[in-house]
C-alpha atoms as a PDB file:
ATOM      1  CA  MET A   1      16.620 -16.125 -28.368  1.00  0.00           C
ATOM      2  CA  ASP A   2      17.916 -14.640 -25.148  1.00  0.00           C
ATOM      3  CA  THR A   3      14.836 -13.637 -23.140  1.00  0.00           C
ATOM      4  CA  GLU A   4      14.403 -11.548 -20.055  1.00  0.00           C
ATOM      5  CA  ARG A   5      14.333 -12.683 -16.464  1.00  0.00           C
ATOM      6  CA  GLY A   6      11.750 -11.886 -13.828  1.00  0.00           C
ATOM      7  CA  GLY A   7      12.457  -8.213 -13.121  1.00  0.00           C
ATOM      8  CA  ASP A   8      12.095  -7.312 -16.780  1.00  0.00           C
ATOM      9  CA  VAL A   9       8.846  -9.263 -17.010  1.00  0.00           C
ATOM     10  CA  LEU A  10       7.607  -7.162 -14.117  1.00  0.00           C
ATOM     11  CA  SER A  11       8.515  -4.023 -16.084  1.00  0.00           C
ATOM     12  CA  HIS A  12       6.528  -5.291 -19.074  1.00  0.00           C
ATOM     13  CA  VAL A  13       3.521  -5.959 -16.868  1.00  0.00           C
ATOM     14  CA  LEU A  14       3.521  -2.748 -14.868  1.00  0.00           C
ATOM     15  CA  ALA A  15       4.017  -0.624 -17.990  1.00  0.00           C
ATOM     16  CA  THR A  16       0.432  -1.575 -18.838  1.00  0.00           C
ATOM     17  CA  TYR A  17      -0.904  -0.683 -15.397  1.00  0.00           C
ATOM     18  CA  LYS A  18      -0.221   3.046 -15.123  1.00  0.00           C
ATOM     19  CA  SER A  19      -2.308   4.811 -12.521  1.00  0.00           C
ATOM     20  CA  GLU A  20      -4.723   7.391 -13.859  1.00  0.00           C
ATOM     21  CA  ARG A  21      -4.173   9.539 -10.786  1.00  0.00           C
ATOM     22  CA  ALA A  22      -2.972   9.205  -7.210  1.00  0.00           C
ATOM     23  CA  VAL A  23      -5.049  10.197  -4.209  1.00  0.00           C
ATOM     24  CA  THR A  24      -2.815  11.328  -1.348  1.00  0.00           C
ATOM     25  CA  ALA A  25      -3.699  11.792   2.311  1.00  0.00           C
ATOM     26  CA  ARG A  26      -2.088  12.657   5.635  1.00  0.00           C
ATOM     27  CA  PHE A  27      -3.844  11.811   8.900  1.00  0.00           C
ATOM     28  CA  LEU A  28      -2.769  12.933  12.386  1.00  0.00           C
ATOM     29  CA  LEU A  29      -4.192  10.248  14.685  1.00  0.00           C
ATOM     30  CA  SER A  30      -3.930  10.340  18.483  1.00  0.00           C
ATOM     31  CA  ALA A  31      -4.637   7.215  20.539  1.00  0.00           C
ATOM     32  CA  PRO A  32      -7.054   5.673  21.034  1.00  0.00           C
ATOM     33  CA  TRP A  33      -8.304   5.590  17.436  1.00  0.00           C
ATOM     34  CA  ALA A  34      -9.621   3.080  14.901  1.00  0.00           C
ATOM     35  CA  LEU A  35     -10.774   3.624  11.302  1.00  0.00           C
ATOM     36  CA  HIS A  36     -12.341   1.159   8.888  1.00  0.00           C
ATOM     37  CA  SER A  37     -12.136   1.286   5.088  1.00  0.00           C
ATOM     38  CA  THR A  38     -14.619  -0.640   2.941  1.00  0.00           C
ATOM     39  CA  GLY A  39     -11.940  -0.814   0.252  1.00  0.00           C
ATOM     40  CA  VAL A  40     -10.880   1.164  -2.805  1.00  0.00           C
ATOM     41  CA  ALA A  41     -10.410   0.415  -6.504  1.00  0.00           C
ATOM     42  CA  GLY A  42      -6.654   0.018  -6.917  1.00  0.00           C
ATOM     43  CA  PRO A  43      -3.549  -0.436  -4.765  1.00  0.00           C
ATOM     44  CA  LEU A  44      -3.401   1.431  -1.448  1.00  0.00           C
ATOM     45  CA  ILE A  45      -0.060   2.202   0.233  1.00  0.00           C
ATOM     46  CA  ARG A  46       0.287   3.335   3.856  1.00  0.00           C
ATOM     47  CA  MET A  47       3.290   4.495   5.914  1.00  0.00           C
ATOM     48  CA  CYS A  48       3.475   6.089   9.355  1.00  0.00           C
ATOM     49  CA  THR A  49       5.758   8.149  11.570  1.00  0.00           C
ATOM     50  CA  GLY A  50       5.419   8.546  15.312  1.00  0.00           C
ATOM     51  CA  ALA A  51       3.622   5.747  17.168  1.00  0.00           C
ATOM     52  CA  PRO A  52       3.170   2.370  15.440  1.00  0.00           C
ATOM     53  CA  TYR A  53      -0.299   1.219  14.392  1.00  0.00           C
ATOM     54  CA  TRP A  54      -2.167  -1.989  13.612  1.00  0.00           C
ATOM     55  CA  ILE A  55      -3.730  -3.003  10.294  1.00  0.00           C
ATOM     56  CA  ALA A  56      -6.229  -5.835   9.864  1.00  0.00           C
ATOM     57  CA  VAL A  57      -7.500  -6.899   6.466  1.00  0.00           C
ATOM     58  CA  ASP A  58     -11.119  -8.004   6.853  1.00  0.00           C
ATOM     59  CA  GLY A  59     -11.126 -11.659   7.860  1.00  0.00           C
ATOM     60  CA  ALA A  60      -7.446 -11.723   8.904  1.00  0.00           C
ATOM     61  CA  GLU A  61      -5.532 -11.222  12.139  1.00  0.00           C
ATOM     62  CA  PRO A  62      -4.197  -7.695  12.916  1.00  0.00           C
ATOM     63  CA  VAL A  63      -0.580  -6.955  11.983  1.00  0.00           C
ATOM     64  CA  GLN A  64       1.482  -4.284  13.735  1.00  0.00           C
ATOM     65  CA  VAL A  65       3.211  -1.771  11.462  1.00  0.00           C
ATOM     66  CA  ALA A  66       6.204   0.144  12.809  1.00  0.00           C
ATOM     67  CA  PRO A  67       7.204   3.702  11.836  1.00  0.00           C
ATOM     68  CA  HIS A  68       8.686   3.823   8.312  1.00  0.00           C
ATOM     69  CA  ASP A  69       7.466   0.328   7.456  1.00  0.00           C
ATOM     70  CA  ILE A  70       5.514   0.203   4.196  1.00  0.00           C
ATOM     71  CA  ALA A  71       2.102  -1.467   4.166  1.00  0.00           C
ATOM     72  CA  MET A  72       0.399  -2.073   0.825  1.00  0.00           C
ATOM     73  CA  LEU A  73      -3.003  -3.515   0.010  1.00  0.00           C
ATOM     74  CA  PRO A  74      -2.515  -4.443  -3.682  1.00  0.00           C
ATOM     75  CA  GLN A  75      -6.231  -4.811  -4.375  1.00  0.00           C
ATOM     76  CA  GLY A  76      -7.250  -2.024  -1.993  1.00  0.00           C
ATOM     77  CA  GLY A  77      -9.271  -4.459   0.121  1.00  0.00           C
ATOM     78  CA  ALA A  78     -11.453  -3.653   3.105  1.00  0.00           C
ATOM     79  CA  HIS A  79      -9.420  -3.214   6.270  1.00  0.00           C
ATOM     80  CA  THR A  80      -9.141  -1.531   9.674  1.00  0.00           C
ATOM     81  CA  VAL A  81      -6.263   0.580  10.970  1.00  0.00           C
ATOM     82  CA  SER A  82      -6.047   1.352  14.682  1.00  0.00           C
ATOM     83  CA  SER A  83      -3.821   2.361  17.582  1.00  0.00           C
ATOM     84  CA  VAL A  84      -4.497  -1.057  19.174  1.00  0.00           C
ATOM     85  CA  PRO A  85      -6.605  -4.002  17.968  1.00  0.00           C
ATOM     86  CA  GLY A  86     -10.187  -4.493  19.106  1.00  0.00           C
ATOM     87  CA  LEU A  87     -11.439  -0.902  19.176  1.00  0.00           C
ATOM     88  CA  ASP A  88     -14.747   0.120  17.647  1.00  0.00           C
ATOM     89  CA  ALA A  89     -13.831   1.629  14.286  1.00  0.00           C
ATOM     90  CA  MET A  90     -15.232   4.756  12.698  1.00  0.00           C
ATOM     91  CA  PRO A  91     -15.778   4.567   8.916  1.00  0.00           C
ATOM     92  CA  PHE A  92     -12.995   6.316   6.993  1.00  0.00           C
ATOM     93  CA  ARG A  93     -15.669   7.597   4.622  1.00  0.00           C
ATOM     94  CA  GLU A  94     -17.231   9.862   7.236  1.00  0.00           C
ATOM     95  CA  LEU A  95     -13.984  11.674   8.018  1.00  0.00           C
ATOM     96  CA  ILE A  96     -12.918  11.828   4.368  1.00  0.00           C
ATOM     97  CA  GLU A  97     -16.261  13.319   3.308  1.00  0.00           C
ATOM     98  CA  ALA A  98     -15.983  15.890   6.079  1.00  0.00           C
ATOM     99  CA  HIS A  99     -12.503  17.002   5.020  1.00  0.00           C
ATOM    100  CA  SER A 100     -12.290  16.406   1.261  1.00  0.00           C
ATOM    101  CA  ILE A 101     -12.748  19.180  -1.288  1.00  0.00           C
ATOM    102  CA  GLY A 102     -14.244  18.633  -4.737  1.00  0.00           C
ATOM    103  CA  ARG A 103     -13.914  15.384  -6.705  1.00  0.00           C
ATOM    104  CA  HIS A 104     -12.113  12.550  -4.948  1.00  0.00           C
ATOM    105  CA  GLY A 105      -8.434  12.975  -5.780  1.00  0.00           C
ATOM    106  CA  ASP A 106      -8.617  16.596  -6.879  1.00  0.00           C
ATOM    107  CA  HIS A 107      -7.089  17.660  -3.560  1.00  0.00           C
ATOM    108  CA  PRO A 108      -5.042  15.834  -0.908  1.00  0.00           C
ATOM    109  CA  ILE A 109      -6.987  14.854   2.213  1.00  0.00           C
ATOM    110  CA  VAL A 110      -5.679  16.092   5.573  1.00  0.00           C
ATOM    111  CA  PHE A 111      -7.364  15.672   8.943  1.00  0.00           C
ATOM    112  CA  SER A 112      -6.768  15.012  12.660  1.00  0.00           C
ATOM    113  CA  HIS A 113      -8.673  12.491  14.738  1.00  0.00           C
ATOM    114  CA  GLY A 114      -8.432  10.571  18.002  1.00  0.00           C
ATOM    115  CA  GLY A 115      -8.438  10.676  21.771  1.00  0.00           C
ATOM    116  CA  GLY A 116      -5.412  12.827  22.533  1.00  0.00           C
ATOM    117  CA  GLY A 117      -2.834  10.128  23.333  1.00  0.00           C
ATOM    118  CA  PRO A 118       0.359   9.109  21.474  1.00  0.00           C
ATOM    119  CA  VAL A 119       0.280  10.367  17.892  1.00  0.00           C
ATOM    120  CA  THR A 120       0.578   8.365  14.682  1.00  0.00           C
ATOM    121  CA  GLU A 121       1.034  10.385  11.505  1.00  0.00           C
ATOM    122  CA  LEU A 122      -0.345   8.170   8.741  1.00  0.00           C
ATOM    123  CA  PHE A 123       0.554   8.852   5.111  1.00  0.00           C
ATOM    124  CA  SER A 124      -1.637   7.230   2.458  1.00  0.00           C
ATOM    125  CA  LEU A 125      -1.354   6.850  -1.287  1.00  0.00           C
ATOM    126  CA  HIS A 126      -4.170   5.390  -3.391  1.00  0.00           C
ATOM    127  CA  LEU A 127      -3.305   4.515  -6.986  1.00  0.00           C
ATOM    128  CA  TRP A 128      -6.421   5.002  -9.064  1.00  0.00           C
ATOM    129  CA  MET A 129      -6.246   2.284 -11.713  1.00  0.00           C
ATOM    130  CA  PRO A 130      -8.757   0.930 -14.228  1.00  0.00           C
ATOM    131  CA  ALA A 131     -10.445  -2.240 -12.918  1.00  0.00           C
ATOM    132  CA  GLN A 132      -9.372  -4.182 -16.004  1.00  0.00           C
ATOM    133  CA  GLY A 133      -5.745  -3.344 -15.273  1.00  0.00           C
ATOM    134  CA  LEU A 134      -5.667  -5.462 -12.144  1.00  0.00           C
ATOM    135  CA  GLY A 135      -6.257  -8.890 -13.617  1.00  0.00           C
ATOM    136  CA  SER A 136      -3.003 -10.801 -13.947  1.00  0.00           C
ATOM    137  CA  ILE A 137      -0.279  -9.443 -11.652  1.00  0.00           C
ATOM    138  CA  ILE A 138      -1.777  -7.074  -9.091  1.00  0.00           C
ATOM    139  CA  GLY A 139      -4.782  -9.343  -8.676  1.00  0.00           C
ATOM    140  CA  SER A 140      -2.590 -12.338  -7.838  1.00  0.00           C
ATOM    141  CA  LEU A 141      -0.753 -10.673  -4.957  1.00  0.00           C
ATOM    142  CA  PRO A 142      -1.634 -11.323  -1.297  1.00  0.00           C
ATOM    143  CA  SER A 143      -4.186  -8.990   0.260  1.00  0.00           C
ATOM    144  CA  LEU A 144      -1.531  -7.326   2.448  1.00  0.00           C
ATOM    145  CA  ILE A 145       2.192  -6.741   1.924  1.00  0.00           C
ATOM    146  CA  VAL A 146       4.339  -5.199   4.672  1.00  0.00           C
ATOM    147  CA  LEU A 147       7.946  -4.201   4.018  1.00  0.00           C
ATOM    148  CA  ARG A 148       9.828  -3.997   7.317  1.00  0.00           C
ATOM    149  CA  GLN A 149      12.526  -1.365   7.673  1.00  0.00           C
ATOM    150  CA  ALA A 150      14.292  -3.645  10.160  1.00  0.00           C
ATOM    151  CA  GLN A 151      14.484  -6.437   7.556  1.00  0.00           C
ATOM    152  CA  ILE A 152      14.782  -4.617   4.218  1.00  0.00           C
ATOM    153  CA  PRO A 153      17.227  -1.656   4.228  1.00  0.00           C
ATOM    154  CA  THR A 154      15.715   0.061   1.173  1.00  0.00           C
ATOM    155  CA  THR A 155      12.373   0.400   2.981  1.00  0.00           C
ATOM    156  CA  ALA A 156      13.673   3.532   4.736  1.00  0.00           C
ATOM    157  CA  SER A 157      14.290   5.337   1.441  1.00  0.00           C
ATOM    158  CA  LEU A 158      10.888   4.258   0.095  1.00  0.00           C
ATOM    159  CA  ALA A 159       9.243   5.582   3.251  1.00  0.00           C
ATOM    160  CA  GLN A 160      11.092   8.882   2.919  1.00  0.00           C
ATOM    161  CA  ALA A 161      10.070   9.168  -0.741  1.00  0.00           C
ATOM    162  CA  MET A 162       6.444   8.513   0.150  1.00  0.00           C
ATOM    163  CA  GLU A 163       6.449  11.046   2.989  1.00  0.00           C
ATOM    164  CA  SER A 164       7.975  13.681   0.696  1.00  0.00           C
ATOM    165  CA  LEU A 165       5.470  12.898  -2.056  1.00  0.00           C
ATOM    166  CA  VAL A 166       2.470  13.288   0.234  1.00  0.00           C
ATOM    167  CA  ASN A 167       3.825  16.468   1.831  1.00  0.00           C
ATOM    168  CA  GLU A 168       4.568  18.006  -1.570  1.00  0.00           C
ATOM    169  CA  THR A 169       1.064  17.252  -2.834  1.00  0.00           C
ATOM    170  CA  VAL A 170      -0.392  18.991   0.216  1.00  0.00           C
ATOM    171  CA  ALA A 171       1.326  22.178  -1.025  1.00  0.00           C
ATOM    172  CA  GLN A 172      -0.435  21.660  -4.412  1.00  0.00           C
ATOM    173  CA  ARG A 173       2.194  23.320  -6.547  1.00  0.00           C
ATOM    174  CA  PRO A 174       1.527  23.407 -10.305  1.00  0.00           C
ATOM    175  CA  GLY A 175       1.861  19.913 -11.804  1.00  0.00           C
ATOM    176  CA  TRP A 176       1.391  18.126  -8.478  1.00  0.00           C
ATOM    177  CA  GLN A 177      -1.311  15.745  -9.744  1.00  0.00           C
ATOM    178  CA  LEU A 178       0.776  14.374 -12.624  1.00  0.00           C
ATOM    179  CA  SER A 179       3.858  14.202 -10.403  1.00  0.00           C
ATOM    180  CA  ALA A 180       1.912  12.293  -7.745  1.00  0.00           C
ATOM    181  CA  ALA A 181       0.611   9.736 -10.254  1.00  0.00           C
ATOM    182  CA  ARG A 182       4.037   9.067 -11.759  1.00  0.00           C
ATOM    183  CA  MET A 183       5.802   8.932  -8.391  1.00  0.00           C
ATOM    184  CA  ALA A 184       3.099   6.561  -7.151  1.00  0.00           C
ATOM    185  CA  ASP A 185       3.814   4.252 -10.101  1.00  0.00           C
ATOM    186  CA  LEU A 186       7.532   4.253  -9.226  1.00  0.00           C
ATOM    187  CA  LEU A 187       6.797   3.465  -5.591  1.00  0.00           C
ATOM    188  CA  LEU A 188       4.578   0.588  -6.656  1.00  0.00           C
ATOM    189  CA  VAL A 189       7.363  -0.869  -8.823  1.00  0.00           C
ATOM    190  CA  HIS A 190       9.932  -0.631  -6.015  1.00  0.00           C
ATOM    191  CA  ILE A 191       7.573  -2.110  -3.419  1.00  0.00           C
ATOM    192  CA  LEU A 192       6.741  -5.048  -5.677  1.00  0.00           C
ATOM    193  CA  CYS A 193      10.408  -5.653  -6.480  1.00  0.00           C
ATOM    194  CA  GLU A 194      11.265  -5.731  -2.779  1.00  0.00           C
ATOM    195  CA  HIS A 195       8.305  -7.992  -2.039  1.00  0.00           C
ATOM    196  CA  LEU A 196       9.318 -10.413  -4.779  1.00  0.00           C
ATOM    197  CA  TYR A 197      13.063 -10.541  -4.238  1.00  0.00           C
ATOM    198  CA  ALA A 198      13.890  -9.418  -0.705  1.00  0.00           C
ATOM    199  CA  GLN A 199      14.067 -11.917   2.167  1.00  0.00           C
ATOM    200  CA  PRO A 200      11.918 -13.812   2.777  1.00  0.00           C
ATOM    201  CA  GLN A 201      11.030 -14.043  -0.926  1.00  0.00           C
ATOM    202  CA  ALA A 202       7.424 -13.414  -1.872  1.00  0.00           C
ATOM    203  CA  GLN A 203       6.078 -13.942   1.653  1.00  0.00           C
ATOM    204  CA  SER A 204       2.982 -12.090   2.776  1.00  0.00           C
ATOM    205  CA  GLN A 205       2.473 -11.220   6.416  1.00  0.00           C
ATOM    206  CA  THR A 206       0.158 -14.238   6.790  1.00  0.00           C
ATOM    207  CA  GLY A 207       2.992 -16.566   5.759  1.00  0.00           C
ATOM    208  CA  GLN A 208       1.257 -17.229   2.466  1.00  0.00           C
ATOM    209  CA  VAL A 209       3.464 -17.508  -0.605  1.00  0.00           C
ATOM    210  CA  GLY A 210       2.559 -15.072  -3.341  1.00  0.00           C
ATOM    211  CA  ARG A 211       1.679 -16.403  -6.773  1.00  0.00           C
ATOM    212  CA  LEU A 212       4.375 -14.456  -8.608  1.00  0.00           C
ATOM    213  CA  ARG A 213       7.221 -16.855  -7.955  1.00  0.00           C
ATOM    214  CA  GLY A 214       7.246 -17.522 -11.692  1.00  0.00           C
ATOM    215  CA  LEU A 215       9.189 -14.279 -12.073  1.00  0.00           C
ATOM    216  CA  ASP A 216      12.055 -15.844 -10.139  1.00  0.00           C
ATOM    217  CA  ASP A 217      12.014 -19.171 -11.995  1.00  0.00           C
ATOM    218  CA  GLU A 218      14.212 -18.949 -15.086  1.00  0.00           C
ATOM    219  CA  SER A 219      12.097 -21.225 -17.281  1.00  0.00           C
ATOM    220  CA  ILE A 220       8.726 -19.788 -16.300  1.00  0.00           C
ATOM    221  CA  ALA A 221      10.045 -16.208 -16.447  1.00  0.00           C
ATOM    222  CA  ARG A 222      11.234 -16.934 -20.001  1.00  0.00           C
ATOM    223  CA  ALA A 223       7.723 -18.014 -21.004  1.00  0.00           C
ATOM    224  CA  MET A 224       6.108 -15.011 -19.321  1.00  0.00           C
ATOM    225  CA  SER A 225       8.556 -12.673 -21.007  1.00  0.00           C
ATOM    226  CA  LEU A 226       7.793 -14.161 -24.425  1.00  0.00           C
ATOM    227  CA  MET A 227       4.067 -13.686 -23.888  1.00  0.00           C
ATOM    228  CA  HIS A 228       4.587 -10.054 -22.951  1.00  0.00           C
ATOM    229  CA  GLU A 229       7.042  -9.360 -25.770  1.00  0.00           C
ATOM    230  CA  ARG A 230       4.903 -10.990 -28.472  1.00  0.00           C
ATOM    231  CA  PRO A 231       1.267 -11.199 -27.337  1.00  0.00           C
ATOM    232  CA  GLU A 232       0.129 -11.430 -30.974  1.00  0.00           C
ATOM    233  CA  HIS A 233       2.039 -14.679 -31.557  1.00  0.00           C
ATOM    234  CA  PRO A 234      -0.094 -17.875 -31.710  1.00  0.00           C
ATOM    235  CA  TRP A 235       1.385 -19.279 -28.519  1.00  0.00           C
ATOM    236  CA  SER A 236       0.377 -22.707 -27.297  1.00  0.00           C
ATOM    237  CA  VAL A 237       1.377 -24.724 -24.253  1.00  0.00           C
ATOM    238  CA  ALA A 238       3.629 -26.778 -26.540  1.00  0.00           C
ATOM    239  CA  THR A 239       5.497 -23.805 -28.044  1.00  0.00           C
ATOM    240  CA  LEU A 240       5.886 -22.094 -24.655  1.00  0.00           C
ATOM    241  CA  ALA A 241       7.143 -25.310 -23.081  1.00  0.00           C
ATOM    242  CA  GLN A 242       9.649 -25.734 -25.896  1.00  0.00           C
ATOM    243  CA  ALA A 243      10.875 -22.158 -25.467  1.00  0.00           C
ATOM    244  CA  SER A 244      11.241 -22.818 -21.730  1.00  0.00           C
ATOM    245  CA  TYR A 245      13.248 -26.022 -22.325  1.00  0.00           C
ATOM    246  CA  LEU A 246      10.661 -28.069 -20.427  1.00  0.00           C
ATOM    247  CA  SER A 247       8.266 -30.850 -21.323  1.00  0.00           C
ATOM    248  CA  ARG A 248       4.612 -29.821 -21.751  1.00  0.00           C
ATOM    249  CA  THR A 249       3.590 -31.600 -18.570  1.00  0.00           C
ATOM    250  CA  ILE A 250       6.347 -30.187 -16.357  1.00  0.00           C
ATOM    251  CA  PHE A 251       5.907 -26.708 -17.856  1.00  0.00           C
ATOM    252  CA  SER A 252       2.140 -26.684 -17.307  1.00  0.00           C
ATOM    253  CA  GLU A 253       2.401 -27.994 -13.756  1.00  0.00           C
ATOM    254  CA  ARG A 254       5.207 -25.635 -12.775  1.00  0.00           C
ATOM    255  CA  PHE A 255       3.540 -22.584 -14.374  1.00  0.00           C
ATOM    256  CA  ARG A 256       0.269 -23.195 -12.564  1.00  0.00           C
ATOM    257  CA  ALA A 257       2.014 -23.907  -9.257  1.00  0.00           C
ATOM    258  CA  LEU A 258       4.117 -20.740  -9.419  1.00  0.00           C
ATOM    259  CA  VAL A 259       1.826 -18.252 -11.170  1.00  0.00           C
ATOM    260  CA  GLY A 260      -1.532 -19.531  -9.943  1.00  0.00           C
ATOM    261  CA  VAL A 261      -3.228 -19.929 -13.335  1.00  0.00           C
ATOM    262  CA  THR A 262      -2.630 -21.948 -16.509  1.00  0.00           C
ATOM    263  CA  PRO A 263      -0.318 -20.521 -19.202  1.00  0.00           C
ATOM    264  CA  MET A 264      -3.232 -19.954 -21.584  1.00  0.00           C
ATOM    265  CA  HIS A 265      -5.297 -18.228 -18.900  1.00  0.00           C
ATOM    266  CA  TYR A 266      -2.365 -15.939 -18.128  1.00  0.00           C
ATOM    267  CA  LEU A 267      -1.847 -15.172 -21.820  1.00  0.00           C
ATOM    268  CA  GLY A 268      -5.538 -14.468 -22.362  1.00  0.00           C
ATOM    269  CA  SER A 269      -5.685 -12.157 -19.350  1.00  0.00           C
ATOM    270  CA  TYR A 270      -2.629 -10.219 -20.519  1.00  0.00           C
ATOM    271  CA  ARG A 271      -4.005  -9.915 -24.052  1.00  0.00           C
ATOM    272  CA  MET A 272      -7.290  -8.522 -22.775  1.00  0.00           C
ATOM    273  CA  THR A 273      -5.535  -6.115 -20.396  1.00  0.00           C
ATOM    274  CA  LEU A 274      -3.402  -4.872 -23.274  1.00  0.00           C
ATOM    275  CA  ALA A 275      -6.465  -4.577 -25.540  1.00  0.00           C
ATOM    276  CA  ALA A 276      -8.322  -2.555 -22.900  1.00  0.00           C
ATOM    277  CA  GLU A 277      -5.370  -0.168 -22.651  1.00  0.00           C
ATOM    278  CA  LYS A 278      -5.247   0.263 -26.445  1.00  0.00           C
ATOM    279  CA  LEU A 279      -8.994   0.888 -26.642  1.00  0.00           C
ATOM    280  CA  LYS A 280      -8.908   3.377 -23.779  1.00  0.00           C
ATOM    281  CA  ASN A 281      -6.021   5.366 -25.240  1.00  0.00           C
ATOM    282  CA  ARG A 282      -7.493   5.519 -28.755  1.00  0.00           C
ATOM    283  CA  GLN A 283      -4.298   4.178 -30.254  1.00  0.00           C
ATOM    284  CA  LEU A 284      -5.770   1.761 -32.792  1.00  0.00           C
ATOM    285  CA  SER A 285      -9.006   0.708 -34.467  1.00  0.00           C
ATOM    286  CA  LEU A 286     -10.833  -2.381 -33.207  1.00  0.00           C
ATOM    287  CA  HIS A 287      -9.476  -4.421 -36.096  1.00  0.00           C
ATOM    288  CA  GLN A 288      -5.924  -3.286 -35.338  1.00  0.00           C
ATOM    289  CA  VAL A 289      -6.350  -3.984 -31.621  1.00  0.00           C
ATOM    290  CA  ALA A 290      -7.518  -7.510 -32.451  1.00  0.00           C
ATOM    291  CA  GLU A 291      -4.364  -8.080 -34.526  1.00  0.00           C
ATOM    292  CA  VAL A 292      -2.057  -6.638 -31.863  1.00  0.00           C
ATOM    293  CA  VAL A 293      -3.348  -9.103 -29.256  1.00  0.00           C
ATOM    294  CA  GLY A 294      -3.292 -12.163 -31.497  1.00  0.00           C
ATOM    295  CA  TYR A 295      -6.787 -12.540 -32.942  1.00  0.00           C
ATOM    296  CA  ALA A 296      -7.208 -13.262 -36.639  1.00  0.00           C
ATOM    297  CA  SER A 297     -10.660 -11.687 -36.772  1.00  0.00           C
ATOM    298  CA  GLU A 298     -12.399  -8.823 -35.056  1.00  0.00           C
ATOM    299  CA  LYS A 299     -15.343 -11.143 -34.368  1.00  0.00           C
ATOM    300  CA  ALA A 300     -13.257 -13.658 -32.407  1.00  0.00           C
ATOM    301  CA  PHE A 301     -11.596 -10.833 -30.490  1.00  0.00           C
ATOM    302  CA  SER A 302     -14.970  -9.262 -29.653  1.00  0.00           C
ATOM    303  CA  ARG A 303     -16.278 -12.538 -28.229  1.00  0.00           C
ATOM    304  CA  ALA A 304     -13.173 -13.012 -26.067  1.00  0.00           C
ATOM    305  CA  PHE A 305     -13.206  -9.398 -24.872  1.00  0.00           C
ATOM    306  CA  GLN A 306     -16.886  -9.590 -23.937  1.00  0.00           C
ATOM    307  CA  ARG A 307     -16.287 -12.761 -21.907  1.00  0.00           C
ATOM    308  CA  TRP A 308     -13.493 -10.989 -20.034  1.00  0.00           C
ATOM    309  CA  THR A 309     -15.092  -7.578 -19.382  1.00  0.00           C
ATOM    310  CA  GLY A 310     -18.804  -8.261 -19.712  1.00  0.00           C
ATOM    311  CA  MET A 311     -19.083  -5.744 -22.548  1.00  0.00           C
ATOM    312  CA  THR A 312     -18.184  -5.562 -26.227  1.00  0.00           C
ATOM    313  CA  PRO A 313     -15.029  -3.721 -27.343  1.00  0.00           C
ATOM    314  CA  SER A 314     -17.238  -1.060 -28.952  1.00  0.00           C
ATOM    315  CA  ALA A 315     -19.165  -0.508 -25.728  1.00  0.00           C
ATOM    316  CA  TYR A 316     -15.938  -0.412 -23.718  1.00  0.00           C
ATOM    317  CA  ALA A 317     -14.395   2.048 -26.182  1.00  0.00           C
ATOM    318  CA  ARG A 318     -17.439   4.318 -25.949  1.00  0.00           C
ATOM    319  CA  GLN A 319     -17.288   4.201 -22.164  1.00  0.00           C
ATOM    320  CA  GLN A 320     -13.578   5.101 -22.207  1.00  0.00           C
ATOM    321  CA  GLY A 321     -13.808   7.583 -25.073  1.00  0.00           C
ATOM    322  CA  GLY A 322     -11.807   5.372 -27.467  1.00  0.00           C
ATOM    323  CA  PRO A 323     -12.413   4.236 -31.075  1.00  0.00           C
ATOM    324  CA  GLU A 324     -15.781   2.601 -31.785  1.00  0.00           C
ATOM    325  CA  SER A 325     -15.106   1.077 -35.177  1.00  0.00           C
ATOM    326  CA  ASP A 326     -12.732   1.009 -38.105  1.00  0.00           C
END
């Protein structure tokens, strides 16, 4: 069977991880300034115009970000942004609480802050995603990705799209919330594609190689694609290795080296992510969900799901408003 290469695997994966909503913000920051975020649930994308700024993920060295570069924190980790490194940082939360209206994400956040020097206009986009949707792909990315306009030509168009998206949400025309969420998903796809395939391939700003190189390895991408196309199939290391035209040993070693986890761990994580999506969207009964993700019995599925999420499928479905039983 002719299977898909890496980019199509990425499409399979990200189709499961749709953002529930996108929180947009525009900050006018005049030097000197420094703001610290304790982190958010879901990917956070930042882009600036005007003066460059510095971003430091907690525990890492600061990285300078030029105008129209794209900075993304895939897991929304704690970080500091500033006009120069080393300044005492004010908590983002204080300024956001002072300027936000209603529930977080119901309205764009706009504010000015700083000491009156050179101005950085910082555009932010937070993709609000379910925690269970971050397990296999987003969770394996480096803590910070920076796309440089000087190195990757398409970064300029992504920056322009992000600036337009944020500015349009500030106007809050009818339908802006849905538009923001869908446009945010598209930006995420493009940023990940550039990160994975542009030069240098899959390199984070710390020089660390990302764990998604499997998408660019023909044999491993074939196995990943099969798992995403047919999650209900009783895959084993042996059958996946055979489909990848590799021995079991070479397949297992290469998969773990490139993806960061074993093939069975990856398959289990994807199955549970898919099951969580089905339960949340009320598409199927628990028994049907179990079948869709490759479990012969609802009991076996329930045990696996509880190990993964810490709650039973029924409890998760109740929490999400999905089906509780057959």
